[in-house]
């Protein structure tokens, strides 16, 4: 049980570590178009991201797939940028009506990319262990728990600004997404792979 807890905590730290803000930025970008009442949709969204993240994290950690680390470190902010740009061009009434949105597909696909970004570190932690299923499972459950904490905090802030201070959803979405776009461009410039 101690090993499960260790990897669960590592998964949570992977999300909640302020130095690894790329993950936090992506989760916030995914949630920017939603309000507190949309929490079920947001839970599905972050779970789709975790599924994509888990698949490639497992495959890369097991050396089934090999990735160019520099390319992945560049693509991670690209995923953040594309998600934020998608937020700017989305319409609130479309978001409310649709059951399967583009964001769900983006979350799953971009989860694949983010999962590859952490695989080298996790591979180094696991060492020569033959059976890594428990560690990967615990890590990904911790990842999901960390994302739920970030999402809950962000949706609470969204509630305060939109429902209490009466800022329009459109303005909220534009301000948050624009700030994320600026940060993503900076991250891309810092992680050029060519």
C-alpha atoms as a PDB file:
ATOM      1  CA  UNK A   1       0.000   0.000   0.000  1.00  0.00           C
ATOM      2  CA  UNK A   2       2.951   2.333   0.628  1.00  0.00           C
ATOM      3  CA  UNK A   3       4.056   2.076  -2.995  1.00  0.00           C
ATOM      4  CA  UNK A   4       0.552   2.879  -4.247  1.00  0.00           C
ATOM      5  CA  UNK A   5       0.432   5.941  -1.995  1.00  0.00           C
ATOM      6  CA  UNK A   6       3.869   7.081  -3.158  1.00  0.00           C
ATOM      7  CA  UNK A   7       2.889   7.005  -6.840  1.00  0.00           C
ATOM      8  CA  UNK A   8      -0.556   8.462  -6.123  1.00  0.00           C
ATOM      9  CA  UNK A   9       1.143  11.420  -4.417  1.00  0.00           C
ATOM     10  CA  UNK A  10       3.584  11.750  -7.334  1.00  0.00           C
ATOM     11  CA  UNK A  11       0.614  11.969  -9.725  1.00  0.00           C
ATOM     12  CA  UNK A  12      -1.009  14.686  -7.634  1.00  0.00           C
ATOM     13  CA  UNK A  13       2.277  16.584  -7.352  1.00  0.00           C
ATOM     14  CA  UNK A  14       2.712  16.365 -11.129  1.00  0.00           C
ATOM     15  CA  UNK A  15      -0.457  18.433 -11.499  1.00  0.00           C
ATOM     16  CA  UNK A  16      -0.249  20.677  -8.438  1.00  0.00           C
ATOM     17  CA  UNK A  17       3.442  21.596  -8.608  1.00  0.00           C
ATOM     18  CA  UNK A  18       3.591  25.340  -9.441  1.00  0.00           C
ATOM     19  CA  UNK A  19       6.884  24.768 -11.294  1.00  0.00           C
ATOM     20  CA  UNK A  20       5.028  22.463 -13.680  1.00  0.00           C
ATOM     21  CA  UNK A  21       2.446  25.085 -14.459  1.00  0.00           C
ATOM     22  CA  UNK A  22       2.047  23.852 -18.034  1.00  0.00           C
ATOM     23  CA  UNK A  23      -0.329  21.162 -16.830  1.00  0.00           C
ATOM     24  CA  UNK A  24      -2.310  23.593 -14.689  1.00  0.00           C
ATOM     25  CA  UNK A  25      -2.537  26.007 -17.630  1.00  0.00           C
ATOM     26  CA  UNK A  26      -3.860  23.265 -19.895  1.00  0.00           C
ATOM     27  CA  UNK A  27      -6.505  22.132 -17.398  1.00  0.00           C
ATOM     28  CA  UNK A  28      -7.618  25.746 -16.902  1.00  0.00           C
ATOM     29  CA  UNK A  29      -7.732  26.251 -20.684  1.00  0.00           C
ATOM     30  CA  UNK A  30      -9.975  23.189 -20.954  1.00  0.00           C
ATOM     31  CA  UNK A  31     -12.333  24.524 -18.270  1.00  0.00           C
ATOM     32  CA  UNK A  32     -12.515  28.185 -19.282  1.00  0.00           C
ATOM     33  CA  UNK A  33     -15.679  27.769 -21.361  1.00  0.00           C
ATOM     34  CA  UNK A  34     -17.585  26.162 -18.485  1.00  0.00           C
ATOM     35  CA  UNK A  35     -19.311  27.457 -15.345  1.00  0.00           C
ATOM     36  CA  UNK A  36     -19.829  25.808 -11.969  1.00  0.00           C
ATOM     37  CA  UNK A  37     -23.095  24.170 -13.071  1.00  0.00           C
ATOM     38  CA  UNK A  38     -21.248  22.343 -15.862  1.00  0.00           C
ATOM     39  CA  UNK A  39     -19.154  20.302 -13.411  1.00  0.00           C
ATOM     40  CA  UNK A  40     -20.249  16.938 -14.918  1.00  0.00           C
ATOM     41  CA  UNK A  41     -19.065  17.997 -18.384  1.00  0.00           C
ATOM     42  CA  UNK A  42     -15.808  19.240 -16.891  1.00  0.00           C
ATOM     43  CA  UNK A  43     -15.284  15.941 -15.054  1.00  0.00           C
ATOM     44  CA  UNK A  44     -15.736  14.039 -18.342  1.00  0.00           C
ATOM     45  CA  UNK A  45     -13.337  16.462 -20.013  1.00  0.00           C
ATOM     46  CA  UNK A  46     -10.502  16.041 -17.503  1.00  0.00           C
ATOM     47  CA  UNK A  47     -11.079  12.285 -17.438  1.00  0.00           C
ATOM     48  CA  UNK A  48     -10.682  12.193 -21.235  1.00  0.00           C
ATOM     49  CA  UNK A  49      -7.405  14.043 -20.796  1.00  0.00           C
ATOM     50  CA  UNK A  50      -6.288  11.583 -18.093  1.00  0.00           C
ATOM     51  CA  UNK A  51      -7.126   8.619 -20.340  1.00  0.00           C
ATOM     52  CA  UNK A  52      -5.011  10.014 -23.177  1.00  0.00           C
ATOM     53  CA  UNK A  53      -2.235  10.932 -20.743  1.00  0.00           C
ATOM     54  CA  UNK A  54      -2.339   7.448 -19.158  1.00  0.00           C
ATOM     55  CA  UNK A  55      -2.137   5.588 -22.466  1.00  0.00           C
ATOM     56  CA  UNK A  56       0.964   7.327 -23.789  1.00  0.00           C
ATOM     57  CA  UNK A  57       2.573   7.583 -20.364  1.00  0.00           C
ATOM     58  CA  UNK A  58       2.289   3.816 -20.041  1.00  0.00           C
ATOM     59  CA  UNK A  59       3.455   3.094 -23.596  1.00  0.00           C
ATOM     60  CA  UNK A  60       6.412   5.476 -23.366  1.00  0.00           C
ATOM     61  CA  UNK A  61       7.410   4.271 -19.893  1.00  0.00           C
ATOM     62  CA  UNK A  62       7.389   0.677 -21.158  1.00  0.00           C
ATOM     63  CA  UNK A  63       9.473   1.759 -24.185  1.00  0.00           C
ATOM     64  CA  UNK A  64       6.730   0.682 -26.592  1.00  0.00           C
ATOM     65  CA  UNK A  65       6.930   4.131 -28.159  1.00  0.00           C
ATOM     66  CA  UNK A  66       9.915   6.462 -28.232  1.00  0.00           C
ATOM     67  CA  UNK A  67       9.557  10.201 -28.309  1.00  0.00           C
ATOM     68  CA  UNK A  68      11.764  13.155 -29.105  1.00  0.00           C
ATOM     69  CA  UNK A  69      11.716  14.929 -25.739  1.00  0.00           C
ATOM     70  CA  UNK A  70      12.502  18.349 -27.228  1.00  0.00           C
ATOM     71  CA  UNK A  71       9.619  18.024 -29.695  1.00  0.00           C
ATOM     72  CA  UNK A  72       7.177  16.993 -26.948  1.00  0.00           C
ATOM     73  CA  UNK A  73       8.285  19.876 -24.711  1.00  0.00           C
ATOM     74  CA  UNK A  74       7.453  22.205 -27.619  1.00  0.00           C
ATOM     75  CA  UNK A  75       4.142  20.500 -28.441  1.00  0.00           C
ATOM     76  CA  UNK A  76       2.835  20.767 -24.867  1.00  0.00           C
ATOM     77  CA  UNK A  77       2.518  24.591 -25.028  1.00  0.00           C
ATOM     78  CA  UNK A  78       1.153  24.227 -28.574  1.00  0.00           C
ATOM     79  CA  UNK A  79      -1.718  22.142 -27.120  1.00  0.00           C
ATOM     80  CA  UNK A  80      -2.325  24.847 -24.517  1.00  0.00           C
ATOM     81  CA  UNK A  81      -2.321  27.525 -27.222  1.00  0.00           C
ATOM     82  CA  UNK A  82      -4.735  25.623 -29.483  1.00  0.00           C
ATOM     83  CA  UNK A  83      -7.138  24.962 -26.613  1.00  0.00           C
ATOM     84  CA  UNK A  84      -7.159  28.642 -25.590  1.00  0.00           C
ATOM     85  CA  UNK A  85      -7.653  29.779 -29.200  1.00  0.00           C
ATOM     86  CA  UNK A  86     -10.520  27.290 -29.517  1.00  0.00           C
ATOM     87  CA  UNK A  87     -12.084  28.876 -26.407  1.00  0.00           C
ATOM     88  CA  UNK A  88     -12.006  32.325 -27.970  1.00  0.00           C
ATOM     89  CA  UNK A  89     -13.902  31.170 -31.053  1.00  0.00           C
ATOM     90  CA  UNK A  90     -16.425  28.958 -29.246  1.00  0.00           C
ATOM     91  CA  UNK A  91     -19.965  30.100 -28.620  1.00  0.00           C
ATOM     92  CA  UNK A  92     -21.563  29.731 -25.197  1.00  0.00           C
ATOM     93  CA  UNK A  93     -24.917  28.521 -26.558  1.00  0.00           C
ATOM     94  CA  UNK A  94     -23.154  25.804 -28.612  1.00  0.00           C
ATOM     95  CA  UNK A  95     -21.251  24.646 -25.536  1.00  0.00           C
ATOM     96  CA  UNK A  96     -24.460  24.284 -23.529  1.00  0.00           C
ATOM     97  CA  UNK A  97     -26.293  22.276 -26.222  1.00  0.00           C
ATOM     98  CA  UNK A  98     -23.641  19.853 -27.403  1.00  0.00           C
ATOM     99  CA  UNK A  99     -23.012  16.608 -25.575  1.00  0.00           C
ATOM    100  CA  UNK A 100     -19.755  15.657 -27.276  1.00  0.00           C
ATOM    101  CA  UNK A 101     -17.709  18.717 -27.975  1.00  0.00           C
ATOM    102  CA  UNK A 102     -14.521  19.378 -29.790  1.00  0.00           C
ATOM    103  CA  UNK A 103     -12.951  19.973 -26.366  1.00  0.00           C
ATOM    104  CA  UNK A 104     -13.444  16.310 -25.399  1.00  0.00           C
ATOM    105  CA  UNK A 105     -11.584  15.153 -28.494  1.00  0.00           C
ATOM    106  CA  UNK A 106      -8.886  17.790 -27.955  1.00  0.00           C
ATOM    107  CA  UNK A 107      -8.521  16.726 -24.322  1.00  0.00           C
ATOM    108  CA  UNK A 108      -8.045  13.065 -25.266  1.00  0.00           C
ATOM    109  CA  UNK A 109      -5.637  13.805 -28.115  1.00  0.00           C
ATOM    110  CA  UNK A 110      -3.650  16.390 -26.180  1.00  0.00           C
ATOM    111  CA  UNK A 111      -3.507  13.976 -23.247  1.00  0.00           C
ATOM    112  CA  UNK A 112      -1.479  11.693 -25.524  1.00  0.00           C
ATOM    113  CA  UNK A 113       1.104  14.451 -25.993  1.00  0.00           C
ATOM    114  CA  UNK A 114       1.258  15.451 -22.319  1.00  0.00           C
ATOM    115  CA  UNK A 115       1.675  11.806 -21.273  1.00  0.00           C
ATOM    116  CA  UNK A 116       4.789  11.466 -23.394  1.00  0.00           C
ATOM    117  CA  UNK A 117       6.272  14.550 -21.744  1.00  0.00           C
ATOM    118  CA  UNK A 118       6.484  12.928 -18.316  1.00  0.00           C
ATOM    119  CA  UNK A 119       7.524   9.422 -19.344  1.00  0.00           C
ATOM    120  CA  UNK A 120      11.306   9.867 -19.035  1.00  0.00           C
ATOM    121  CA  UNK A 121      11.004  11.020 -15.428  1.00  0.00           C
ATOM    122  CA  UNK A 122       8.619   8.198 -14.520  1.00  0.00           C
ATOM    123  CA  UNK A 123      10.815   5.645 -16.308  1.00  0.00           C
ATOM    124  CA  UNK A 124      13.792   6.819 -14.212  1.00  0.00           C
ATOM    125  CA  UNK A 125      11.730   6.476 -11.014  1.00  0.00           C
ATOM    126  CA  UNK A 126      10.572   2.970 -11.851  1.00  0.00           C
ATOM    127  CA  UNK A 127      14.059   1.747 -12.664  1.00  0.00           C
ATOM    128  CA  UNK A 128      14.159  -1.929 -13.614  1.00  0.00           C
ATOM    129  CA  UNK A 129      10.784  -2.894 -12.136  1.00  0.00           C
ATOM    130  CA  UNK A 130       9.173  -5.581 -14.249  1.00  0.00           C
ATOM    131  CA  UNK A 131       5.618  -5.000 -13.074  1.00  0.00           C
ATOM    132  CA  UNK A 132       4.732  -1.327 -13.257  1.00  0.00           C
ATOM    133  CA  UNK A 133       0.951  -1.610 -13.602  1.00  0.00           C
ATOM    134  CA  UNK A 134       0.265  -0.680  -9.961  1.00  0.00           C
ATOM    135  CA  UNK A 135       2.631   2.291 -10.100  1.00  0.00           C
ATOM    136  CA  UNK A 136       1.141   3.588 -13.363  1.00  0.00           C
ATOM    137  CA  UNK A 137      -2.390   3.098 -12.071  1.00  0.00           C
ATOM    138  CA  UNK A 138      -1.644   4.899  -8.789  1.00  0.00           C
ATOM    139  CA  UNK A 139       0.132   7.722 -10.610  1.00  0.00           C
ATOM    140  CA  UNK A 140      -2.793   8.256 -12.983  1.00  0.00           C
ATOM    141  CA  UNK A 141      -5.362   8.162 -10.162  1.00  0.00           C
ATOM    142  CA  UNK A 142      -3.262  10.818  -8.393  1.00  0.00           C
ATOM    143  CA  UNK A 143      -3.128  12.787 -11.643  1.00  0.00           C
ATOM    144  CA  UNK A 144      -6.924  12.699 -11.891  1.00  0.00           C
ATOM    145  CA  UNK A 145      -7.307  13.741  -8.235  1.00  0.00           C
ATOM    146  CA  UNK A 146      -4.927  16.668  -8.772  1.00  0.00           C
ATOM    147  CA  UNK A 147      -6.842  17.758 -11.856  1.00  0.00           C
ATOM    148  CA  UNK A 148     -10.123  17.642  -9.935  1.00  0.00           C
ATOM    149  CA  UNK A 149      -8.591  19.918  -7.283  1.00  0.00           C
ATOM    150  CA  UNK A 150      -7.455  22.408  -9.955  1.00  0.00           C
ATOM    151  CA  UNK A 151     -10.827  22.254 -11.717  1.00  0.00           C
ATOM    152  CA  UNK A 152     -12.787  22.705  -8.473  1.00  0.00           C
ATOM    153  CA  UNK A 153     -10.722  25.739  -7.509  1.00  0.00           C
ATOM    154  CA  UNK A 154     -11.033  27.261 -10.986  1.00  0.00           C
ATOM    155  CA  UNK A 155     -14.802  26.657 -11.192  1.00  0.00           C
ATOM    156  CA  UNK A 156     -15.197  28.282  -7.770  1.00  0.00           C
ATOM    157  CA  UNK A 157     -13.295  31.354  -8.999  1.00  0.00           C
ATOM    158  CA  UNK A 158     -15.434  31.320 -12.152  1.00  0.00           C
ATOM    159  CA  UNK A 159     -18.571  31.221 -10.007  1.00  0.00           C
ATOM    160  CA  UNK A 160     -17.371  34.201  -7.971  1.00  0.00           C
ATOM    161  CA  UNK A 161     -16.583  36.330 -11.028  1.00  0.00           C
ATOM    162  CA  UNK A 162     -19.557  35.358 -13.192  1.00  0.00           C
ATOM    163  CA  UNK A 163     -22.344  34.784 -10.666  1.00  0.00           C
ATOM    164  CA  UNK A 164     -21.381  37.193  -7.885  1.00  0.00           C
ATOM    165  CA  UNK A 165     -19.478  39.997  -9.648  1.00  0.00           C
ATOM    166  CA  UNK A 166     -21.619  39.586 -12.803  1.00  0.00           C
ATOM    167  CA  UNK A 167     -18.796  39.513 -15.330  1.00  0.00           C
ATOM    168  CA  UNK A 168     -20.123  38.168 -18.638  1.00  0.00           C
ATOM    169  CA  UNK A 169     -19.148  34.637 -19.611  1.00  0.00           C
ATOM    170  CA  UNK A 170     -17.830  35.930 -22.902  1.00  0.00           C
ATOM    171  CA  UNK A 171     -15.538  38.476 -21.226  1.00  0.00           C
ATOM    172  CA  UNK A 172     -14.337  35.894 -18.692  1.00  0.00           C
ATOM    173  CA  UNK A 173     -13.574  33.404 -21.462  1.00  0.00           C
ATOM    174  CA  UNK A 174     -11.720  36.045 -23.531  1.00  0.00           C
ATOM    175  CA  UNK A 175      -9.602  37.354 -20.642  1.00  0.00           C
ATOM    176  CA  UNK A 176      -8.581  33.930 -19.317  1.00  0.00           C
ATOM    177  CA  UNK A 177      -7.963  32.472 -22.778  1.00  0.00           C
ATOM    178  CA  UNK A 178      -5.955  35.521 -23.892  1.00  0.00           C
ATOM    179  CA  UNK A 179      -3.745  35.314 -20.803  1.00  0.00           C
ATOM    180  CA  UNK A 180      -3.194  31.598 -21.452  1.00  0.00           C
ATOM    181  CA  UNK A 181      -2.319  32.317 -25.107  1.00  0.00           C
ATOM    182  CA  UNK A 182       0.332  34.809 -23.988  1.00  0.00           C
ATOM    183  CA  UNK A 183       1.851  32.309 -21.544  1.00  0.00           C
ATOM    184  CA  UNK A 184       1.730  29.534 -24.164  1.00  0.00           C
ATOM    185  CA  UNK A 185       3.650  31.670 -26.673  1.00  0.00           C
ATOM    186  CA  UNK A 186       6.316  32.326 -24.036  1.00  0.00           C
ATOM    187  CA  UNK A 187       6.562  28.604 -23.261  1.00  0.00           C
ATOM    188  CA  UNK A 188       6.854  27.800 -26.977  1.00  0.00           C
ATOM    189  CA  UNK A 189       9.684  30.313 -27.372  1.00  0.00           C
ATOM    190  CA  UNK A 190      11.477  28.735 -24.394  1.00  0.00           C
ATOM    191  CA  UNK A 191      11.091  25.211 -25.786  1.00  0.00           C
ATOM    192  CA  UNK A 192      12.060  25.544 -29.431  1.00  0.00           C
ATOM    193  CA  UNK A 193      13.213  22.145 -30.659  1.00  0.00           C
ATOM    194  CA  UNK A 194      14.898  23.212 -33.877  1.00  0.00           C
END
